[in-house]
């Protein structure tokens, strides 16, 4: 394996390996349903949803950009991707197309949280916004909220917090991977 990017305690730096061109890091990778395309987000001054053929060594196709993008999800037929994000401080849910067609904004405004949306068998898209779980049916212009309630009890027992040495170069054992990164 080879290291693709470097991160230090101040944030991300320029990629070490030219898997893509530009500044930022490739995050949230996801394979198309047929396994021929890889989609991921390049985070930087402007986040970009990028698609490339798995077998190709050519240029990348930028299908959508926004101030902040979450993890994308493929439609079951592989004809589009859905991604939540923010532009100008406003939430959005977009549908992007690997064939180069213009992306479609499905939901604009409100507090759309940039979690990975979910696509149901009927093509409806589940996402979170304004503290609710919403579903947008394929032909619908407005989402429907899914009612739910939850009671969360927090244990605020004091404990000694771990200190982190982010500048150490000594080898350490990895405890897990939070989010796959290219």
C-alpha atoms as a PDB file:
ATOM      1  CA  UNK A   1       0.000   0.000   0.000  1.00  0.00           C
ATOM      2  CA  UNK A   2       1.078   3.548  -0.604  1.00  0.00           C
ATOM      3  CA  UNK A   3       0.199   6.681   1.270  1.00  0.00           C
ATOM      4  CA  UNK A   4      -1.952   9.060  -0.769  1.00  0.00           C
ATOM      5  CA  UNK A   5      -2.225  12.109   1.485  1.00  0.00           C
ATOM      6  CA  UNK A   6      -0.738  13.607   4.620  1.00  0.00           C
ATOM      7  CA  UNK A   7      -2.716  15.152   7.454  1.00  0.00           C
ATOM      8  CA  UNK A   8      -1.234  16.914  10.467  1.00  0.00           C
ATOM      9  CA  UNK A   9      -2.776  18.617  13.461  1.00  0.00           C
ATOM     10  CA  UNK A  10      -3.536  21.744  11.417  1.00  0.00           C
ATOM     11  CA  UNK A  11      -5.494  20.046   8.645  1.00  0.00           C
ATOM     12  CA  UNK A  12      -4.936  18.502   5.263  1.00  0.00           C
ATOM     13  CA  UNK A  13      -2.004  19.015   2.954  1.00  0.00           C
ATOM     14  CA  UNK A  14      -1.439  18.479  -0.754  1.00  0.00           C
ATOM     15  CA  UNK A  15      -1.785  14.813  -1.855  1.00  0.00           C
ATOM     16  CA  UNK A  16       1.469  12.852  -2.111  1.00  0.00           C
ATOM     17  CA  UNK A  17       0.302  10.580  -4.905  1.00  0.00           C
ATOM     18  CA  UNK A  18      -1.381  12.024  -8.017  1.00  0.00           C
ATOM     19  CA  UNK A  19      -4.513   9.848  -7.973  1.00  0.00           C
ATOM     20  CA  UNK A  20      -6.307  13.049  -8.830  1.00  0.00           C
ATOM     21  CA  UNK A  21      -5.165  16.576  -9.625  1.00  0.00           C
ATOM     22  CA  UNK A  22      -5.695  19.530  -7.336  1.00  0.00           C
ATOM     23  CA  UNK A  23      -5.730  20.336  -3.676  1.00  0.00           C
ATOM     24  CA  UNK A  24      -7.544  18.380  -1.032  1.00  0.00           C
ATOM     25  CA  UNK A  25      -8.076  14.745  -0.196  1.00  0.00           C
ATOM     26  CA  UNK A  26     -10.199  12.080  -1.845  1.00  0.00           C
ATOM     27  CA  UNK A  27     -12.822  10.948   0.696  1.00  0.00           C
ATOM     28  CA  UNK A  28     -16.049   8.879   0.806  1.00  0.00           C
ATOM     29  CA  UNK A  29     -15.226   6.437  -2.034  1.00  0.00           C
ATOM     30  CA  UNK A  30     -18.084   4.351  -3.410  1.00  0.00           C
ATOM     31  CA  UNK A  31     -18.201   1.882  -6.314  1.00  0.00           C
ATOM     32  CA  UNK A  32     -21.013   1.921  -8.855  1.00  0.00           C
ATOM     33  CA  UNK A  33     -23.425  -1.022  -8.673  1.00  0.00           C
ATOM     34  CA  UNK A  34     -21.764  -2.673 -11.693  1.00  0.00           C
ATOM     35  CA  UNK A  35     -18.272  -2.064 -10.268  1.00  0.00           C
ATOM     36  CA  UNK A  36     -16.982  -0.094 -13.278  1.00  0.00           C
ATOM     37  CA  UNK A  37     -16.939   3.428 -11.792  1.00  0.00           C
ATOM     38  CA  UNK A  38     -15.578   4.943  -8.620  1.00  0.00           C
ATOM     39  CA  UNK A  39     -17.160   8.079  -7.156  1.00  0.00           C
ATOM     40  CA  UNK A  40     -15.591  10.109  -4.364  1.00  0.00           C
ATOM     41  CA  UNK A  41     -15.490  13.630  -2.968  1.00  0.00           C
ATOM     42  CA  UNK A  42     -12.369  15.766  -3.206  1.00  0.00           C
ATOM     43  CA  UNK A  43     -12.451  18.109  -0.237  1.00  0.00           C
ATOM     44  CA  UNK A  44     -10.809  21.466  -0.683  1.00  0.00           C
ATOM     45  CA  UNK A  45     -11.713  25.140  -0.989  1.00  0.00           C
ATOM     46  CA  UNK A  46     -14.743  23.900  -2.977  1.00  0.00           C
ATOM     47  CA  UNK A  47     -15.715  20.229  -2.584  1.00  0.00           C
ATOM     48  CA  UNK A  48     -16.103  18.265  -5.817  1.00  0.00           C
ATOM     49  CA  UNK A  49     -18.007  15.048  -6.519  1.00  0.00           C
ATOM     50  CA  UNK A  50     -15.731  13.147  -8.877  1.00  0.00           C
ATOM     51  CA  UNK A  51     -16.278  10.009 -10.959  1.00  0.00           C
ATOM     52  CA  UNK A  52     -13.684   7.949 -12.783  1.00  0.00           C
ATOM     53  CA  UNK A  53     -13.693   4.617 -14.564  1.00  0.00           C
ATOM     54  CA  UNK A  54     -12.031   1.987 -12.389  1.00  0.00           C
ATOM     55  CA  UNK A  55      -9.970   0.643 -15.308  1.00  0.00           C
ATOM     56  CA  UNK A  56      -9.110   4.045 -16.822  1.00  0.00           C
ATOM     57  CA  UNK A  57      -5.977   6.025 -16.159  1.00  0.00           C
ATOM     58  CA  UNK A  58      -7.321   9.212 -17.734  1.00  0.00           C
ATOM     59  CA  UNK A  59      -8.851  12.361 -16.374  1.00  0.00           C
ATOM     60  CA  UNK A  60     -11.530  12.528 -13.736  1.00  0.00           C
ATOM     61  CA  UNK A  61     -15.054  13.769 -14.373  1.00  0.00           C
ATOM     62  CA  UNK A  62     -16.233  16.398 -11.892  1.00  0.00           C
ATOM     63  CA  UNK A  63     -19.992  15.970 -11.722  1.00  0.00           C
ATOM     64  CA  UNK A  64     -20.935  18.461  -8.997  1.00  0.00           C
ATOM     65  CA  UNK A  65     -19.311  21.066  -6.717  1.00  0.00           C
ATOM     66  CA  UNK A  66     -20.459  22.744  -3.502  1.00  0.00           C
ATOM     67  CA  UNK A  67     -18.965  24.418  -0.449  1.00  0.00           C
ATOM     68  CA  UNK A  68     -19.295  21.155   1.501  1.00  0.00           C
ATOM     69  CA  UNK A  69     -20.324  17.701   0.314  1.00  0.00           C
ATOM     70  CA  UNK A  70     -21.063  14.581   2.320  1.00  0.00           C
ATOM     71  CA  UNK A  71     -20.693  10.994   1.175  1.00  0.00           C
ATOM     72  CA  UNK A  72     -22.402  10.150  -2.130  1.00  0.00           C
ATOM     73  CA  UNK A  73     -24.583   7.122  -2.797  1.00  0.00           C
ATOM     74  CA  UNK A  74     -25.299   5.488  -6.172  1.00  0.00           C
ATOM     75  CA  UNK A  75     -28.818   4.916  -7.458  1.00  0.00           C
ATOM     76  CA  UNK A  76     -29.415   1.150  -7.777  1.00  0.00           C
ATOM     77  CA  UNK A  77     -29.256   1.356 -11.600  1.00  0.00           C
ATOM     78  CA  UNK A  78     -25.958   3.307 -11.529  1.00  0.00           C
ATOM     79  CA  UNK A  79     -27.435   6.098 -13.670  1.00  0.00           C
ATOM     80  CA  UNK A  80     -26.976   8.773 -10.975  1.00  0.00           C
ATOM     81  CA  UNK A  81     -25.617   9.572  -7.536  1.00  0.00           C
ATOM     82  CA  UNK A  82     -27.197  11.428  -4.634  1.00  0.00           C
ATOM     83  CA  UNK A  83     -25.215  13.684  -2.317  1.00  0.00           C
ATOM     84  CA  UNK A  84     -26.100  16.065   0.516  1.00  0.00           C
ATOM     85  CA  UNK A  85     -24.130  19.209   1.203  1.00  0.00           C
ATOM     86  CA  UNK A  86     -24.021  22.953   1.762  1.00  0.00           C
ATOM     87  CA  UNK A  87     -23.693  25.947  -0.551  1.00  0.00           C
ATOM     88  CA  UNK A  88     -23.752  29.501   0.747  1.00  0.00           C
ATOM     89  CA  UNK A  89     -24.657  28.209   4.202  1.00  0.00           C
ATOM     90  CA  UNK A  90     -27.830  26.527   2.894  1.00  0.00           C
ATOM     91  CA  UNK A  91     -28.368  22.788   2.839  1.00  0.00           C
ATOM     92  CA  UNK A  92     -28.993  20.834  -0.334  1.00  0.00           C
ATOM     93  CA  UNK A  93     -29.636  17.401  -1.736  1.00  0.00           C
ATOM     94  CA  UNK A  94     -28.379  16.949  -5.294  1.00  0.00           C
ATOM     95  CA  UNK A  95     -28.601  14.256  -7.946  1.00  0.00           C
ATOM     96  CA  UNK A  96     -25.483  14.043 -10.142  1.00  0.00           C
ATOM     97  CA  UNK A  97     -25.054  12.060 -13.339  1.00  0.00           C
ATOM     98  CA  UNK A  98     -21.971  10.144 -14.490  1.00  0.00           C
ATOM     99  CA  UNK A  99     -22.805  10.808 -18.169  1.00  0.00           C
ATOM    100  CA  UNK A 100     -21.923  14.504 -17.775  1.00  0.00           C
ATOM    101  CA  UNK A 101     -25.492  15.830 -17.630  1.00  0.00           C
ATOM    102  CA  UNK A 102     -26.073  18.820 -15.357  1.00  0.00           C
ATOM    103  CA  UNK A 103     -26.709  17.927 -11.734  1.00  0.00           C
ATOM    104  CA  UNK A 104     -30.222  18.430 -10.402  1.00  0.00           C
ATOM    105  CA  UNK A 105     -30.887  20.111  -7.047  1.00  0.00           C
ATOM    106  CA  UNK A 106     -33.660  18.080  -5.418  1.00  0.00           C
ATOM    107  CA  UNK A 107     -33.829  19.947  -2.102  1.00  0.00           C
ATOM    108  CA  UNK A 108     -32.452  23.427  -1.419  1.00  0.00           C
ATOM    109  CA  UNK A 109     -32.457  25.308   1.868  1.00  0.00           C
ATOM    110  CA  UNK A 110     -33.023  24.222   5.400  1.00  0.00           C
ATOM    111  CA  UNK A 111     -30.606  22.336   7.579  1.00  0.00           C
ATOM    112  CA  UNK A 112     -29.829  19.383   5.290  1.00  0.00           C
ATOM    113  CA  UNK A 113     -27.238  17.388   7.192  1.00  0.00           C
ATOM    114  CA  UNK A 114     -24.389  16.086   4.997  1.00  0.00           C
ATOM    115  CA  UNK A 115     -24.806  12.421   5.953  1.00  0.00           C
ATOM    116  CA  UNK A 116     -24.813   9.871   3.144  1.00  0.00           C
ATOM    117  CA  UNK A 117     -28.417   9.670   1.836  1.00  0.00           C
ATOM    118  CA  UNK A 118     -30.053   6.262   1.444  1.00  0.00           C
ATOM    119  CA  UNK A 119     -31.849   5.081  -1.687  1.00  0.00           C
ATOM    120  CA  UNK A 120     -34.846   2.792  -1.214  1.00  0.00           C
ATOM    121  CA  UNK A 121     -35.901   0.031  -3.606  1.00  0.00           C
ATOM    122  CA  UNK A 122     -38.603   2.243  -5.156  1.00  0.00           C
ATOM    123  CA  UNK A 123     -36.049   4.995  -5.903  1.00  0.00           C
ATOM    124  CA  UNK A 124     -37.039   7.228  -2.980  1.00  0.00           C
ATOM    125  CA  UNK A 125     -34.196   9.032  -1.224  1.00  0.00           C
ATOM    126  CA  UNK A 126     -33.948   9.224   2.565  1.00  0.00           C
ATOM    127  CA  UNK A 127     -31.966  12.087   4.095  1.00  0.00           C
ATOM    128  CA  UNK A 128     -31.907  14.159   7.283  1.00  0.00           C
ATOM    129  CA  UNK A 129     -32.841  17.841   7.510  1.00  0.00           C
ATOM    130  CA  UNK A 130     -34.118  20.235  10.155  1.00  0.00           C
ATOM    131  CA  UNK A 131     -33.906  17.520  12.823  1.00  0.00           C
ATOM    132  CA  UNK A 132     -36.137  15.160  10.833  1.00  0.00           C
ATOM    133  CA  UNK A 133     -35.746  12.098   8.641  1.00  0.00           C
ATOM    134  CA  UNK A 134     -37.205  12.945   5.238  1.00  0.00           C
ATOM    135  CA  UNK A 135     -38.040  10.872   2.202  1.00  0.00           C
ATOM    136  CA  UNK A 136     -38.233  12.254  -1.318  1.00  0.00           C
ATOM    137  CA  UNK A 137     -40.220  10.034  -3.687  1.00  0.00           C
ATOM    138  CA  UNK A 138     -38.998   9.843  -7.327  1.00  0.00           C
ATOM    139  CA  UNK A 139     -41.781  12.021  -8.776  1.00  0.00           C
ATOM    140  CA  UNK A 140     -42.279  14.253  -5.720  1.00  0.00           C
ATOM    141  CA  UNK A 141     -41.289  17.911  -5.626  1.00  0.00           C
ATOM    142  CA  UNK A 142     -41.357  18.152  -1.829  1.00  0.00           C
ATOM    143  CA  UNK A 143     -40.208  15.641   0.777  1.00  0.00           C
ATOM    144  CA  UNK A 144     -42.320  13.893   3.373  1.00  0.00           C
ATOM    145  CA  UNK A 145     -41.130  13.675   6.984  1.00  0.00           C
ATOM    146  CA  UNK A 146     -41.022  10.323   8.724  1.00  0.00           C
ATOM    147  CA  UNK A 147     -42.320  10.886  12.265  1.00  0.00           C
ATOM    148  CA  UNK A 148     -40.274   9.467  15.109  1.00  0.00           C
ATOM    149  CA  UNK A 149     -39.438  10.185  18.729  1.00  0.00           C
ATOM    150  CA  UNK A 150     -36.393   9.224  20.720  1.00  0.00           C
ATOM    151  CA  UNK A 151     -35.355   9.559  24.329  1.00  0.00           C
ATOM    152  CA  UNK A 152     -31.637   9.845  24.902  1.00  0.00           C
ATOM    153  CA  UNK A 153     -30.179   9.599  28.379  1.00  0.00           C
ATOM    154  CA  UNK A 154     -26.589  10.757  28.719  1.00  0.00           C
ATOM    155  CA  UNK A 155     -24.235   9.453  31.398  1.00  0.00           C
ATOM    156  CA  UNK A 156     -22.178  12.469  32.385  1.00  0.00           C
ATOM    157  CA  UNK A 157     -19.899  10.572  34.756  1.00  0.00           C
ATOM    158  CA  UNK A 158     -16.543  12.400  34.838  1.00  0.00           C
ATOM    159  CA  UNK A 159     -13.563  10.533  33.439  1.00  0.00           C
ATOM    160  CA  UNK A 160      -9.940  11.262  32.680  1.00  0.00           C
ATOM    161  CA  UNK A 161      -9.603  12.355  29.071  1.00  0.00           C
ATOM    162  CA  UNK A 162      -6.832  10.948  26.937  1.00  0.00           C
ATOM    163  CA  UNK A 163      -4.142  13.304  25.698  1.00  0.00           C
ATOM    164  CA  UNK A 164      -2.990  12.969  22.096  1.00  0.00           C
ATOM    165  CA  UNK A 165       0.559  13.451  20.839  1.00  0.00           C
ATOM    166  CA  UNK A 166      -0.124  14.502  17.245  1.00  0.00           C
ATOM    167  CA  UNK A 167       3.497  15.351  16.522  1.00  0.00           C
ATOM    168  CA  UNK A 168       5.051  12.019  17.450  1.00  0.00           C
ATOM    169  CA  UNK A 169       6.632   9.983  14.657  1.00  0.00           C
ATOM    170  CA  UNK A 170       6.807   6.793  16.740  1.00  0.00           C
ATOM    171  CA  UNK A 171       4.838   3.832  15.333  1.00  0.00           C
ATOM    172  CA  UNK A 172       1.528   3.143  17.076  1.00  0.00           C
ATOM    173  CA  UNK A 173      -1.150   0.524  16.680  1.00  0.00           C
ATOM    174  CA  UNK A 174      -4.247   1.607  14.741  1.00  0.00           C
ATOM    175  CA  UNK A 175      -7.442   1.121  16.735  1.00  0.00           C
ATOM    176  CA  UNK A 176      -9.784   1.373  13.750  1.00  0.00           C
ATOM    177  CA  UNK A 177     -10.719   3.272  10.625  1.00  0.00           C
ATOM    178  CA  UNK A 178     -13.372   5.949  10.913  1.00  0.00           C
ATOM    179  CA  UNK A 179     -13.930   6.683   7.236  1.00  0.00           C
ATOM    180  CA  UNK A 180     -12.188   5.189   4.194  1.00  0.00           C
ATOM    181  CA  UNK A 181     -10.020   7.663   2.322  1.00  0.00           C
ATOM    182  CA  UNK A 182      -8.340   7.281  -1.050  1.00  0.00           C
END
